[in-house]
């Protein structure tokens, strides 16, 4: 499978899963978790590529984690 075709299939699947999650769960939680995709990119870059985190990235990940915890706790 060519990369461009694979990305299109994955993008379509992601949209369908988002719609299913918003229909089945709480919209506030689903929206917050899906907005964290940049944090996932940073974590994958660190894990898979060995990139170093800057101070801003560390702070951003900490704020994201705190926000998710606050929403989960209500």
N, C-alpha and C. Protein backbone atom coordinates (compact mmCIF):
# COMPACT_ATOMS: atom_id res chain seq x y z
N UNK A 1 0.85 -1.18 0.00
CA UNK A 1 0.00 0.00 0.00
C UNK A 1 0.90 1.24 0.00
N UNK A 2 0.56 2.18 -0.87
CA UNK A 2 1.33 3.42 -0.93
C UNK A 2 1.05 4.26 0.32
N UNK A 3 2.03 5.02 0.80
CA UNK A 3 1.82 5.83 2.02
C UNK A 3 0.64 6.79 1.93
N UNK A 4 0.46 7.42 0.77
CA UNK A 4 -0.64 8.39 0.64
C UNK A 4 -2.00 7.69 0.76
N UNK A 5 -2.11 6.50 0.19
CA UNK A 5 -3.36 5.75 0.27
C UNK A 5 -3.60 5.30 1.70
N UNK A 6 -2.54 4.82 2.37
CA UNK A 6 -2.66 4.38 3.75
C UNK A 6 -3.08 5.51 4.67
N UNK A 7 -2.53 6.70 4.44
CA UNK A 7 -2.89 7.85 5.27
C UNK A 7 -4.35 8.23 5.06
N UNK A 8 -4.84 8.13 3.84
CA UNK A 8 -6.24 8.43 3.57
C UNK A 8 -7.18 7.45 4.24
N UNK A 9 -6.81 6.18 4.22
CA UNK A 9 -7.63 5.16 4.87
C UNK A 9 -7.64 5.37 6.37
N UNK A 10 -6.47 5.65 6.94
CA UNK A 10 -6.40 5.87 8.39
C UNK A 10 -7.14 7.14 8.80
N UNK A 11 -7.07 8.17 7.98
CA UNK A 11 -7.80 9.41 8.28
C UNK A 11 -9.31 9.19 8.27
N UNK A 12 -9.77 8.42 7.30
CA UNK A 12 -11.20 8.11 7.24
C UNK A 12 -11.65 7.28 8.43
N UNK A 13 -10.81 6.31 8.81
CA UNK A 13 -11.13 5.46 9.96
C UNK A 13 -11.14 6.29 11.24
N UNK A 14 -10.21 7.23 11.35
CA UNK A 14 -10.17 8.09 12.53
C UNK A 14 -11.44 8.93 12.64
N UNK A 15 -11.90 9.45 11.53
CA UNK A 15 -13.14 10.24 11.55
C UNK A 15 -14.34 9.40 11.97
N UNK A 16 -14.43 8.18 11.45
CA UNK A 16 -15.54 7.30 11.84
C UNK A 16 -15.47 6.94 13.32
N UNK A 17 -14.28 6.68 13.82
CA UNK A 17 -14.14 6.35 15.25
C UNK A 17 -14.48 7.55 16.13
N UNK A 18 -14.14 8.76 15.67
CA UNK A 18 -14.50 9.96 16.42
C UNK A 18 -16.01 10.11 16.49
N UNK A 19 -16.69 9.90 15.36
CA UNK A 19 -18.15 10.00 15.36
C UNK A 19 -18.78 8.95 16.27
N UNK A 20 -18.24 7.74 16.25
CA UNK A 20 -18.77 6.69 17.12
C UNK A 20 -18.55 7.04 18.58
N UNK A 21 -17.38 7.59 18.90
CA UNK A 21 -17.08 7.94 20.29
C UNK A 21 -17.96 9.08 20.79
N UNK A 22 -18.22 10.07 19.93
CA UNK A 22 -19.07 11.18 20.38
C UNK A 22 -20.50 10.72 20.58
N UNK A 23 -20.93 9.73 19.81
CA UNK A 23 -22.28 9.21 19.98
C UNK A 23 -22.42 8.31 21.19
N UNK A 24 -21.35 7.62 21.55
CA UNK A 24 -21.43 6.64 22.63
C UNK A 24 -20.97 7.19 23.98
N UNK A 25 -20.18 8.26 23.98
CA UNK A 25 -19.61 8.75 25.24
C UNK A 25 -19.96 10.20 25.50
N UNK A 26 -19.30 10.73 26.49
CA UNK A 26 -19.49 12.14 26.83
C UNK A 26 -18.67 12.99 25.87
N UNK A 27 -19.33 13.94 25.24
CA UNK A 27 -18.68 14.75 24.23
C UNK A 27 -17.50 15.53 24.80
N UNK A 28 -17.61 16.03 26.02
CA UNK A 28 -16.52 16.81 26.62
C UNK A 28 -15.26 15.97 26.75
N UNK A 29 -15.39 14.74 27.17
CA UNK A 29 -14.22 13.87 27.35
C UNK A 29 -13.64 13.48 26.00
N UNK A 30 -14.49 13.12 25.07
CA UNK A 30 -14.02 12.71 23.74
C UNK A 30 -13.31 13.86 23.04
N UNK A 31 -13.85 15.06 23.11
CA UNK A 31 -13.25 16.21 22.46
C UNK A 31 -11.88 16.54 23.04
N UNK A 32 -11.76 16.46 24.36
CA UNK A 32 -10.47 16.75 24.99
C UNK A 32 -9.44 15.70 24.61
N UNK A 33 -9.82 14.44 24.66
CA UNK A 33 -8.86 13.39 24.34
C UNK A 33 -8.42 13.44 22.88
N UNK A 34 -9.33 13.77 21.97
CA UNK A 34 -8.93 13.85 20.57
C UNK A 34 -8.10 15.10 20.29
N UNK A 35 -8.24 16.12 21.10
CA UNK A 35 -7.43 17.32 20.89
C UNK A 35 -5.99 17.12 21.37
N UNK A 36 -5.71 16.01 21.98
CA UNK A 36 -4.35 15.74 22.47
C UNK A 36 -3.45 15.09 21.42
N UNK A 37 -3.87 15.05 20.16
CA UNK A 37 -3.04 14.40 19.17
C UNK A 37 -1.64 15.00 19.04
N UNK A 38 -1.42 16.32 19.26
CA UNK A 38 -0.04 16.80 19.22
C UNK A 38 0.82 16.20 20.34
N UNK A 39 0.22 15.94 21.50
CA UNK A 39 0.97 15.32 22.59
C UNK A 39 1.38 13.90 22.21
N UNK A 40 0.51 13.18 21.52
CA UNK A 40 0.84 11.83 21.07
C UNK A 40 1.99 11.89 20.07
N UNK A 41 1.98 12.89 19.20
CA UNK A 41 3.07 13.04 18.23
C UNK A 41 4.39 13.28 18.95
N UNK A 42 4.39 14.12 19.97
CA UNK A 42 5.61 14.40 20.73
C UNK A 42 6.09 13.14 21.45
N UNK A 43 5.18 12.39 22.05
CA UNK A 43 5.56 11.16 22.74
C UNK A 43 6.12 10.11 21.77
N UNK A 44 5.51 9.98 20.61
CA UNK A 44 6.02 9.04 19.61
C UNK A 44 7.38 9.46 19.08
N UNK A 45 7.58 10.75 18.88
CA UNK A 45 8.89 11.23 18.41
C UNK A 45 9.96 10.93 19.44
N UNK A 46 9.63 11.08 20.71
CA UNK A 46 10.58 10.77 21.78
C UNK A 46 10.88 9.27 21.82
N UNK A 47 9.84 8.46 21.73
CA UNK A 47 9.98 7.02 21.85
C UNK A 47 10.63 6.39 20.62
N UNK A 48 10.12 6.72 19.46
CA UNK A 48 10.57 6.05 18.24
C UNK A 48 11.81 6.68 17.61
N UNK A 49 11.93 8.00 17.70
CA UNK A 49 13.03 8.69 17.04
C UNK A 49 14.11 9.17 17.99
N UNK A 50 13.85 9.08 19.29
CA UNK A 50 14.84 9.50 20.28
C UNK A 50 15.04 11.00 20.34
N UNK A 51 14.04 11.79 19.93
CA UNK A 51 14.17 13.25 19.98
C UNK A 51 14.15 13.73 21.42
N UNK A 52 14.85 14.82 21.64
CA UNK A 52 14.89 15.39 22.99
C UNK A 52 13.75 16.38 23.16
N UNK A 53 13.24 16.45 24.40
CA UNK A 53 12.17 17.39 24.71
C UNK A 53 12.77 18.69 25.19
N UNK A 54 12.19 19.78 24.71
CA UNK A 54 12.55 21.09 25.22
C UNK A 54 11.71 21.41 26.45
N UNK A 55 12.05 22.50 27.11
CA UNK A 55 11.31 22.89 28.31
C UNK A 55 9.84 23.18 28.01
N UNK A 56 9.58 23.79 26.87
CA UNK A 56 8.20 24.10 26.50
C UNK A 56 7.41 22.82 26.24
N UNK A 57 8.03 21.84 25.63
CA UNK A 57 7.32 20.58 25.38
C UNK A 57 7.03 19.84 26.68
N UNK A 58 7.97 19.84 27.60
CA UNK A 58 7.74 19.21 28.90
C UNK A 58 6.60 19.90 29.64
N UNK A 59 6.61 21.22 29.62
CA UNK A 59 5.56 21.98 30.30
C UNK A 59 4.20 21.73 29.63
N UNK A 60 4.19 21.70 28.31
CA UNK A 60 2.95 21.46 27.58
C UNK A 60 2.36 20.09 27.88
N UNK A 61 3.21 19.07 27.93
CA UNK A 61 2.73 17.73 28.26
C UNK A 61 2.20 17.67 29.69
N UNK A 62 2.86 18.38 30.59
CA UNK A 62 2.39 18.41 31.97
C UNK A 62 1.02 19.09 32.10
N UNK A 63 0.86 20.20 31.40
CA UNK A 63 -0.42 20.91 31.42
C UNK A 63 -1.52 20.04 30.81
N UNK A 64 -1.20 19.35 29.72
CA UNK A 64 -2.18 18.46 29.08
C UNK A 64 -2.60 17.34 30.04
N UNK A 65 -1.64 16.75 30.71
CA UNK A 65 -1.95 15.67 31.64
C UNK A 65 -2.82 16.18 32.79
N UNK A 66 -2.50 17.37 33.29
CA UNK A 66 -3.29 17.95 34.37
C UNK A 66 -4.72 18.28 33.91
N UNK A 67 -4.85 18.77 32.67
CA UNK A 67 -6.18 19.10 32.15
C UNK A 67 -7.04 17.86 31.98
N UNK A 68 -6.45 16.79 31.47
CA UNK A 68 -7.20 15.54 31.29
C UNK A 68 -7.62 15.00 32.66
N UNK A 69 -6.72 15.05 33.63
CA UNK A 69 -7.05 14.57 34.97
C UNK A 69 -8.18 15.41 35.57
N UNK A 70 -8.14 16.73 35.39
CA UNK A 70 -9.17 17.59 35.95
C UNK A 70 -10.53 17.30 35.32
N UNK A 71 -10.56 17.07 34.02
CA UNK A 71 -11.83 16.77 33.37
C UNK A 71 -12.35 15.40 33.77
N UNK A 72 -11.44 14.44 33.89
CA UNK A 72 -11.85 13.09 34.28
C UNK A 72 -12.42 13.07 35.70
N UNK A 73 -11.87 13.90 36.57
CA UNK A 73 -12.34 13.95 37.96
C UNK A 73 -13.65 14.74 38.10
N UNK A 74 -13.96 15.52 37.08
CA UNK A 74 -15.22 16.24 37.11
C UNK A 74 -15.04 17.63 37.55
